[in-house]
């Protein structure tokens, strides 16, 4: 008996339910055997947007988080968290840069 499985592969869009633990609204981008992989964009329920690279379903590689207030965080992500060098650009033109380890600022800004 043949069963057809619907596993996303290639380019596609997914809309998340309201109880998504990461508060995602939707994702548009590349898929590899059911996981977000390659380049894509995730829209979150709070209005923030992640644009960048994904690996094995998580944000990984270069990416930018844009916030509703106009601030942008650009840097490296690892396992879905900001990790490594990042630059935070404020809507007023100011900026900070530093190194992060698993979403935590690591050292001086």
Foldseek 3Di string as FASTA:
>chain_A
DDDDDDADAAWDKDADDCPPPVQWGMKTGGDHRRAQAAWIKIAGPQGKIKTDGDDRRAQAQWIWIAHPQGKIKTAGDDRNFGAAWIKIAHNVGDIDIAGDHRNHGDDDD
